[in-house]
Amino acid sequence: MLRAPGEFRRAQSAIAALFCLLGFQYATWAARLPALKTRLDMTEEELGLLLMACGAGAAASFPLVAVLMRRLGSRRLACVSALCLGALLPALAAAPDYPVALLVICLDGVAVGCLNVAMNAQGAALEARFCRTAMSQLHATFSAGSLAAALLASGMNLVTSAVTAHFMVATVLLLLLLAYAQPRLLTDEQPAKPREAKKKDRRSRLLLPSALTLWMGCAMAFGTVTEGAMNDWSALYLKDVVKAPEHLVPMGIAVVSVVMVLARLMADSWRERWGDALIVRLGSALAGTGLALALLAGGVLPTLLGFACVGLGVAAVTPCVYVAAAARGPEALALVAAMGTTGLLAGPALIGFVAGATSLVWGMAVVAACALTVSLCATRIHWTRPTAEPVTATT
């Protein structure tokens, strides 16, 4: 069992590199969507379908991830899926037509689903092994990776407009991150089980998810609906409903993102002091109540304050739920991750449907209701602090 303080930092930096890698890879191709749209002559509808294909691939990866986690363990699965993500960038740049690009993006979603589960399993095992909270800071590095990808895309555009050159540079950087992370990731050989125990495990995998797992999945889904909807609809709400000046319209996304990153950097100390249960319950309640009050008050400043409440309140939701799901095993973690991806995929469409049928104010009210629902789900989840023993397989 690794206990030296230096070992914690070594493993933490490796797992953080995986989170950074995933954020960097996703933001890299997302930043070049306009160029891909022009090259492949995509319509707006085809572009929307391309974006949905990534989320659909990630959501559909749940059965595969559960099997691979059992057979490979989180360390090897993380490395394999990261390699796939690196290879898919040049493949997307070389896609000759729209159907091929659609297939590549769908496969990218599957690899994203695999890496998402594997790296969160590593993060949960890190907390369990060293009895220290770390998951929120790990999630913050995902945002850092997205920011780095945006800066690289901007810099590459100054040098060349070629998507292939950009994606090749990005692939090299992804491989460097993986090379740094791979030897430092956690490993843990599982003890051999008797034949009877193995048969019991195989039978248990055929059972439906427990109520506790479903509550965690619902918390994750409603949390990602809240998080995703703020990114997709906050600017439009400021422009069309609040009538904010043009230069303040992008501030909605900026406020949510900055507050969320800062909160995630500090959230692990909050978790150690008050525990995950209180952080998730009060945080999601703050997000829902703050946004609801902002909708009632109107005006630019109250709206931005409400958006800040959302960023602060939901920042620790997904890290805490991932830790709780990892304690239930790979199948629970994979299902919860898939439900989170489904929420992230379906959330913007749901808000758009409500806004189209009524108004965007009611659409944002649904976002506030989703945040409050997370608080309700959190009361049904069994939360535990990190223990001295690993809670998930990391072979």
Protein backbone atom coordinates (compact mmCIF):
# COMPACT_ATOMS: atom_id res chain seq x y z
CA MET A 1 0.00 0.00 0.00
CA LEU A 2 1.43 3.36 -1.07
CA ARG A 3 1.57 5.88 1.78
CA ALA A 4 4.47 8.28 1.13
CA PRO A 5 3.32 11.89 0.56
CA GLY A 6 5.28 12.01 -2.68
CA GLU A 7 3.41 8.99 -4.00
CA PHE A 8 0.08 10.77 -3.61
CA ARG A 9 1.27 13.76 -5.63
CA ARG A 10 2.81 11.47 -8.24
CA ALA A 11 -0.42 9.53 -8.76
CA GLN A 12 -2.55 12.67 -8.56
CA SER A 13 -0.55 14.39 -11.29
CA ALA A 14 -0.86 11.33 -13.53
CA ILE A 15 -4.63 11.11 -13.13
CA ALA A 16 -4.90 14.87 -13.61
CA ALA A 17 -3.06 14.41 -16.91
CA LEU A 18 -5.84 12.03 -18.03
CA PHE A 19 -8.53 14.59 -17.16
CA CYS A 20 -6.56 17.27 -18.99
CA LEU A 21 -6.14 14.93 -21.96
CA LEU A 22 -9.88 14.32 -22.26
CA GLY A 23 -10.75 18.02 -22.05
CA PHE A 24 -8.00 18.87 -24.54
CA GLN A 25 -9.06 16.24 -27.08
CA TYR A 26 -12.75 17.14 -27.01
CA ALA A 27 -12.16 20.89 -27.22
CA THR A 28 -9.62 20.44 -30.04
CA TRP A 29 -12.08 19.05 -32.56
CA ALA A 30 -14.95 21.15 -31.23
CA ALA A 31 -12.89 24.30 -31.85
CA ARG A 32 -12.49 23.36 -35.53
CA LEU A 33 -16.15 22.57 -36.20
CA PRO A 34 -16.57 25.63 -38.47
CA ALA A 35 -13.69 24.44 -40.66
CA LEU A 36 -14.98 20.87 -40.68
CA LYS A 37 -18.47 22.12 -41.54
CA THR A 38 -17.11 24.01 -44.54
CA ARG A 39 -14.84 21.21 -45.75
CA LEU A 40 -17.52 18.54 -45.53
CA ASP A 41 -20.27 20.90 -46.73
CA MET A 42 -22.50 20.14 -43.74
CA THR A 43 -25.91 21.69 -43.14
CA GLU A 44 -26.90 22.97 -39.71
CA GLU A 45 -28.94 19.81 -39.15
CA GLU A 46 -26.00 17.59 -40.09
CA LEU A 47 -23.74 19.51 -37.75
CA GLY A 48 -26.23 19.04 -34.92
CA LEU A 49 -26.37 15.31 -35.68
CA LEU A 50 -22.56 15.16 -35.63
CA LEU A 51 -22.52 16.67 -32.15
CA MET A 52 -25.22 14.28 -30.97
CA ALA A 53 -23.24 11.32 -32.35
CA CYS A 54 -20.44 11.93 -29.85
CA GLY A 55 -22.85 11.98 -26.91
CA ALA A 56 -24.76 8.98 -28.25
CA GLY A 57 -21.54 7.00 -28.60
CA ALA A 58 -20.53 7.85 -25.02
CA ALA A 59 -23.97 6.92 -23.66
CA ALA A 60 -24.08 3.67 -25.66
CA SER A 61 -20.64 2.65 -24.38
CA PHE A 62 -22.03 1.67 -20.95
CA PRO A 63 -22.22 -2.13 -21.52
CA LEU A 64 -18.76 -2.17 -23.16
CA VAL A 65 -17.18 -0.09 -20.40
CA ALA A 66 -18.50 -2.37 -17.66
CA VAL A 67 -16.95 -5.40 -19.36
CA LEU A 68 -13.64 -3.69 -20.12
CA MET A 69 -13.32 -2.39 -16.57
CA ARG A 70 -13.60 -5.97 -15.31
CA ARG A 71 -11.15 -7.40 -17.82
CA LEU A 72 -8.58 -4.62 -18.17
CA GLY A 73 -8.94 -2.53 -15.04
CA SER A 74 -9.01 1.25 -14.96
CA ARG A 75 -5.28 1.74 -15.62
CA ARG A 76 -5.08 -0.23 -18.84
CA LEU A 77 -8.51 0.91 -20.03
CA ALA A 78 -7.49 4.54 -19.52
CA CYS A 79 -4.34 4.05 -21.60
CA VAL A 80 -6.09 2.19 -24.42
CA SER A 81 -8.94 4.69 -24.68
CA ALA A 82 -6.52 7.63 -24.54
CA LEU A 83 -4.54 6.12 -27.44
CA CYS A 84 -7.77 5.75 -29.40
CA LEU A 85 -8.68 9.39 -28.77
CA GLY A 86 -5.28 10.45 -30.07
CA ALA A 87 -5.69 8.36 -33.23
CA LEU A 88 -9.22 9.61 -33.91
CA LEU A 89 -8.14 13.24 -34.35
CA PRO A 90 -6.10 12.57 -37.54
CA ALA A 91 -8.86 10.21 -38.68
CA LEU A 92 -11.40 13.01 -38.37
CA ALA A 93 -9.14 15.41 -40.25
CA ALA A 94 -8.76 12.84 -43.05
CA ALA A 95 -12.48 11.94 -43.25
CA PRO A 96 -13.41 12.15 -46.95
CA ASP A 97 -17.13 12.75 -46.44
CA TYR A 98 -19.83 13.32 -43.87
CA PRO A 99 -20.78 9.65 -43.16
CA VAL A 100 -17.16 8.80 -42.36
CA ALA A 101 -16.88 11.84 -40.10
CA LEU A 102 -20.08 10.78 -38.35
CA LEU A 103 -18.63 7.31 -37.73
CA VAL A 104 -15.36 8.77 -36.41
CA ILE A 105 -17.20 11.07 -34.00
CA CYS A 106 -19.39 8.20 -32.79
CA LEU A 107 -16.26 6.12 -32.09
CA ASP A 108 -14.79 9.16 -30.38
CA GLY A 109 -17.81 9.17 -28.08
CA VAL A 110 -17.25 5.52 -27.21
CA ALA A 111 -13.60 6.22 -26.36
CA VAL A 112 -14.66 9.26 -24.32
CA GLY A 113 -17.08 7.06 -22.37
CA CYS A 114 -14.33 4.53 -21.65
CA LEU A 115 -11.77 7.11 -20.55
CA ASN A 116 -14.35 8.99 -18.49
CA VAL A 117 -15.15 5.93 -16.40
CA ALA A 118 -11.52 4.75 -16.15
CA MET A 119 -10.08 8.08 -15.04
CA ASN A 120 -12.86 8.66 -12.50
CA ALA A 121 -12.24 5.16 -11.15
CA GLN A 122 -8.57 6.11 -10.78
CA GLY A 123 -9.57 9.30 -8.99
CA ALA A 124 -11.88 7.48 -6.59
CA ALA A 125 -9.17 4.88 -5.88
CA LEU A 126 -6.68 7.69 -5.20
CA GLU A 127 -8.98 9.16 -2.55
CA ALA A 128 -9.63 5.76 -0.99
CA ARG A 129 -6.01 4.67 -0.90
CA PHE A 130 -4.58 7.85 0.61
CA CYS A 131 -7.63 8.95 2.64
CA ARG A 132 -7.52 12.38 0.97
CA THR A 133 -10.02 14.21 -1.22
CA ALA A 134 -8.81 15.01 -4.75
CA MET A 135 -11.66 14.45 -7.23
CA SER A 136 -12.82 18.07 -7.52
CA GLN A 137 -9.34 19.30 -8.40
CA LEU A 138 -9.04 16.52 -10.96
CA HIS A 139 -12.26 17.70 -12.62
CA ALA A 140 -10.87 21.24 -12.68
CA THR A 141 -7.98 20.03 -14.85
CA PHE A 142 -10.53 18.90 -17.46
CA SER A 143 -11.49 22.56 -17.86
CA ALA A 144 -7.82 23.49 -17.98
CA GLY A 145 -7.35 21.04 -20.85
CA SER A 146 -10.26 22.61 -22.73
CA LEU A 147 -8.74 26.05 -22.25
CA ALA A 148 -5.35 24.84 -23.51
CA ALA A 149 -7.01 23.36 -26.60
CA ALA A 150 -8.76 26.65 -27.32
CA LEU A 151 -5.47 28.54 -27.05
CA LEU A 152 -3.73 26.02 -29.32
CA ALA A 153 -6.52 26.31 -31.91
CA SER A 154 -6.20 30.08 -31.86
CA GLY A 155 -2.42 29.90 -32.24
CA MET A 156 -2.56 27.34 -35.04
CA ASN A 157 -5.03 29.51 -36.94
CA LEU A 158 -2.39 32.24 -37.00
CA VAL A 159 0.08 29.83 -38.60
CA THR A 160 -2.09 27.69 -40.86
CA SER A 161 -5.76 27.04 -41.53
CA ALA A 162 -5.11 23.35 -42.24
CA VAL A 163 -7.09 21.14 -39.87
CA THR A 164 -4.75 18.19 -40.47
CA ALA A 165 -1.69 20.10 -39.25
CA HIS A 166 -3.57 21.31 -36.18
CA PHE A 167 -4.83 17.84 -35.29
CA MET A 168 -1.40 16.27 -35.78
CA VAL A 169 0.15 18.76 -33.34
CA ALA A 170 -2.69 18.08 -30.90
CA THR A 171 -2.15 14.31 -31.23
CA VAL A 172 1.53 14.68 -30.36
CA LEU A 173 0.59 16.65 -27.24
CA LEU A 174 -1.97 14.01 -26.28
CA LEU A 175 0.65 11.27 -26.61
CA LEU A 176 3.04 13.26 -24.43
CA LEU A 177 0.37 13.59 -21.74
CA LEU A 178 -0.31 9.85 -21.94
CA ALA A 179 3.41 9.05 -21.78
CA TYR A 180 3.67 11.10 -18.60
CA ALA A 181 0.58 9.56 -17.00
CA GLN A 182 0.96 5.88 -17.86
CA PRO A 183 3.83 4.86 -15.55
CA ARG A 184 2.42 6.87 -12.64
CA LEU A 185 -1.18 5.61 -12.65
CA LEU A 186 -2.43 3.50 -9.75
CA THR A 187 -2.21 -0.27 -9.98
CA ASP A 188 -3.81 -2.78 -7.66
CA GLU A 189 -3.84 -6.51 -8.20
CA GLN A 190 -7.11 -8.04 -7.09
CA PRO A 191 -6.83 -11.15 -4.96
CA ALA A 192 -7.85 -14.37 -6.63
CA LYS A 193 -11.42 -15.40 -5.93
CA PRO A 194 -12.67 -18.95 -5.45
CA ARG A 195 -14.72 -20.43 -8.25
CA GLU A 196 -17.95 -20.09 -6.26
CA ALA A 197 -17.35 -16.36 -5.73
CA LYS A 198 -16.67 -15.88 -9.44
CA LYS A 199 -19.94 -17.59 -10.33
CA LYS A 200 -21.77 -15.40 -7.83
CA ASP A 201 -20.18 -12.29 -9.38
CA ARG A 202 -21.28 -13.35 -12.86
CA ARG A 203 -24.85 -13.86 -11.65
CA SER A 204 -24.87 -10.51 -9.86
CA ARG A 205 -23.90 -8.72 -13.08
CA LEU A 206 -27.14 -9.91 -14.67
CA LEU A 207 -29.25 -8.22 -11.99
CA LEU A 208 -30.88 -4.84 -12.52
CA PRO A 209 -29.12 -1.82 -11.00
CA SER A 210 -29.90 -1.19 -7.35
CA ALA A 211 -32.11 1.69 -6.25
CA LEU A 212 -29.05 3.41 -4.80
CA THR A 213 -27.25 3.25 -8.15
CA LEU A 214 -30.31 4.68 -9.90
CA TRP A 215 -30.49 7.56 -7.41
CA MET A 216 -26.83 8.32 -8.12
CA GLY A 217 -27.51 8.13 -11.84
CA CYS A 218 -30.44 10.53 -11.52
CA ALA A 219 -28.32 12.97 -9.51
CA MET A 220 -25.64 12.82 -12.19
CA ALA A 221 -28.14 13.21 -15.04
CA PHE A 222 -29.93 16.23 -13.54
CA GLY A 223 -26.58 17.73 -12.54
CA THR A 224 -25.23 17.49 -16.08
CA VAL A 225 -28.50 18.88 -17.48
CA THR A 226 -27.96 21.92 -15.24
CA GLU A 227 -24.30 22.27 -16.15
CA GLY A 228 -24.78 21.75 -19.88
CA ALA A 229 -27.83 23.98 -20.19
CA MET A 230 -25.97 26.92 -18.67
CA ASN A 231 -23.27 26.61 -21.32
CA ASP A 232 -25.78 26.37 -24.16
CA TRP A 233 -28.52 28.80 -23.14
CA SER A 234 -27.06 31.44 -20.81
CA ALA A 235 -25.88 33.73 -23.62
CA LEU A 236 -29.20 33.53 -25.45
CA TYR A 237 -31.09 34.23 -22.20
CA LEU A 238 -28.99 37.35 -21.58
CA LYS A 239 -29.54 38.55 -25.13
CA ASP A 240 -33.21 37.79 -25.75
CA VAL A 241 -34.78 37.95 -22.29
CA VAL A 242 -32.60 40.25 -20.19
CA LYS A 243 -31.76 42.47 -23.20
CA ALA A 244 -28.15 42.78 -22.02
CA PRO A 245 -25.70 44.91 -24.03
CA GLU A 246 -23.92 42.94 -26.74
CA HIS A 247 -20.57 43.03 -24.95
CA LEU A 248 -22.11 41.47 -21.83
CA VAL A 249 -23.85 38.56 -23.60
CA PRO A 250 -20.81 36.20 -23.44
CA MET A 251 -20.41 36.95 -19.73
CA GLY A 252 -23.02 34.32 -18.86
CA ILE A 253 -20.80 31.44 -19.95
CA ALA A 254 -17.71 33.19 -18.59
CA VAL A 255 -19.20 33.67 -15.10
CA VAL A 256 -20.40 30.08 -14.84
CA SER A 257 -17.10 28.65 -16.13
CA VAL A 258 -14.77 30.77 -14.01
CA VAL A 259 -16.76 30.29 -10.81
CA MET A 260 -17.02 26.55 -11.43
CA VAL A 261 -13.28 26.12 -12.00
CA LEU A 262 -12.40 28.15 -8.91
CA ALA A 263 -14.94 26.23 -6.83
CA ARG A 264 -13.57 22.88 -8.02
CA LEU A 265 -10.07 23.92 -7.04
CA MET A 266 -11.31 24.59 -3.49
CA ALA A 267 -14.06 21.97 -3.22
CA ASP A 268 -11.83 19.15 -1.97
CA SER A 269 -11.06 21.09 1.20
CA TRP A 270 -14.80 21.71 1.62
CA ARG A 271 -15.46 18.00 1.21
CA GLU A 272 -12.91 17.14 3.91
CA ARG A 273 -14.49 19.65 6.29
CA TRP A 274 -18.20 19.08 5.70
CA GLY A 275 -18.47 15.82 3.75
CA ASP A 276 -19.82 15.05 0.27
CA ALA A 277 -23.46 14.75 1.37
CA LEU A 278 -23.71 18.29 2.68
CA ILE A 279 -21.71 19.75 -0.22
CA VAL A 280 -23.99 18.17 -2.85
CA ARG A 281 -27.27 18.88 -1.05
CA LEU A 282 -26.53 22.50 -0.18
CA GLY A 283 -24.65 23.18 -3.41
CA SER A 284 -27.40 22.00 -5.72
CA ALA A 285 -30.02 23.77 -3.56
CA LEU A 286 -27.98 26.98 -3.88
CA ALA A 287 -27.79 26.54 -7.66
CA GLY A 288 -31.53 25.99 -8.06
CA THR A 289 -32.62 28.69 -5.62
CA GLY A 290 -30.12 31.27 -6.89
CA LEU A 291 -31.14 30.74 -10.51
CA ALA A 292 -34.85 30.84 -9.66
CA LEU A 293 -34.46 34.14 -7.80
CA ALA A 294 -32.49 35.55 -10.72
CA LEU A 295 -35.28 34.62 -13.14
CA LEU A 296 -37.81 36.39 -10.91
CA ALA A 297 -35.68 39.50 -10.40
CA GLY A 298 -34.57 40.07 -14.00
CA GLY A 299 -31.82 42.49 -14.93
CA VAL A 300 -28.22 41.86 -15.93
CA LEU A 301 -26.60 41.92 -12.49
CA PRO A 302 -29.14 39.60 -10.75
CA THR A 303 -28.92 37.23 -13.71
CA LEU A 304 -25.12 37.05 -13.57
CA LEU A 305 -25.29 36.53 -9.80
CA GLY A 306 -27.77 33.70 -10.36
CA PHE A 307 -25.47 32.15 -12.95
CA ALA A 308 -22.59 32.42 -10.47
CA CYS A 309 -24.71 30.53 -7.92
CA VAL A 310 -25.14 27.74 -10.45
CA GLY A 311 -21.41 27.53 -11.15
CA LEU A 312 -20.63 27.49 -7.43
CA GLY A 313 -23.41 25.09 -6.51
CA VAL A 314 -22.94 22.37 -9.12
CA ALA A 315 -19.13 22.45 -9.21
CA ALA A 316 -18.70 19.55 -6.78
CA VAL A 317 -21.77 17.53 -7.77
CA THR A 318 -20.24 15.36 -10.49
CA PRO A 319 -16.94 14.71 -8.64
CA CYS A 320 -18.80 13.63 -5.49
CA VAL A 321 -21.28 11.42 -7.35
CA TYR A 322 -18.45 9.75 -9.27
CA VAL A 323 -16.74 8.89 -5.97
CA ALA A 324 -19.98 7.46 -4.57
CA ALA A 325 -20.60 5.43 -7.74
CA ALA A 326 -17.04 4.06 -7.80
CA ALA A 327 -17.61 2.68 -4.31
CA ARG A 328 -20.39 0.51 -5.77
CA GLY A 329 -18.15 -1.10 -8.41
CA PRO A 330 -17.38 -0.73 -12.14
CA GLU A 331 -20.93 -1.47 -13.32
CA ALA A 332 -22.42 1.24 -11.11
CA LEU A 333 -19.74 3.71 -12.17
CA ALA A 334 -20.29 2.96 -15.87
CA LEU A 335 -24.08 3.31 -15.56
CA VAL A 336 -23.85 6.57 -13.63
CA ALA A 337 -21.39 7.97 -16.18
CA ALA A 338 -23.70 6.95 -19.04
CA MET A 339 -26.68 8.62 -17.36
CA GLY A 340 -24.60 11.76 -16.91
CA THR A 341 -23.72 11.77 -20.59
CA THR A 342 -27.38 11.27 -21.46
CA GLY A 343 -28.31 14.27 -19.34
CA LEU A 344 -25.63 16.36 -20.99
CA LEU A 345 -26.93 15.28 -24.42
CA ALA A 346 -30.67 15.56 -23.74
CA GLY A 347 -30.57 18.64 -21.51
CA PRO A 348 -30.12 21.35 -24.16
CA ALA A 349 -32.79 19.77 -26.37
CA LEU A 350 -35.20 19.61 -23.42
CA ILE A 351 -34.65 23.27 -22.58
CA GLY A 352 -35.13 24.18 -26.24
CA PHE A 353 -38.40 22.25 -26.40
CA VAL A 354 -39.76 23.96 -23.29
CA ALA A 355 -38.58 27.38 -24.51
CA GLY A 356 -40.22 26.82 -27.89
CA ALA A 357 -43.51 25.77 -26.34
CA THR A 358 -43.55 28.56 -23.72
CA SER A 359 -40.59 30.93 -23.30
CA LEU A 360 -36.91 30.80 -22.46
CA VAL A 361 -37.73 31.98 -18.95
CA TRP A 362 -39.65 28.75 -18.37
CA GLY A 363 -36.84 26.83 -20.05
CA MET A 364 -34.35 28.23 -17.55
CA ALA A 365 -36.85 27.49 -14.78
CA VAL A 366 -36.53 23.84 -15.78
CA VAL A 367 -32.77 24.18 -15.24
CA ALA A 368 -33.41 25.52 -11.73
CA ALA A 369 -35.80 22.63 -11.08
CA CYS A 370 -33.15 20.14 -12.24
CA ALA A 371 -30.64 21.59 -9.77
CA LEU A 372 -33.16 21.29 -6.94
CA THR A 373 -33.87 17.71 -8.01
CA VAL A 374 -30.19 16.90 -7.54
CA SER A 375 -30.53 18.03 -3.92
CA LEU A 376 -33.50 15.69 -3.49
CA CYS A 377 -31.63 12.75 -5.07
CA ALA A 378 -28.66 13.42 -2.80
CA THR A 379 -30.79 12.66 0.26
CA ARG A 380 -31.25 9.10 -1.04
CA ILE A 381 -27.54 8.41 -1.65
CA HIS A 382 -25.27 6.74 0.88
CA TRP A 383 -22.22 8.98 1.10
CA THR A 384 -18.93 7.82 2.59
CA ARG A 385 -15.66 9.56 3.31
CA PRO A 386 -12.47 8.07 1.82
CA THR A 387 -11.31 4.95 3.63
CA ALA A 388 -7.95 3.28 3.81
CA GLU A 389 -8.83 0.53 1.36
CA PRO A 390 -9.30 0.92 -2.40
CA VAL A 391 -12.95 1.02 -3.39
CA THR A 392 -12.58 0.11 -7.03
CA ALA A 393 -10.51 -2.19 -9.19
CA THR A 394 -7.45 -0.48 -10.60
CA THR A 395 -5.48 -3.30 -12.12
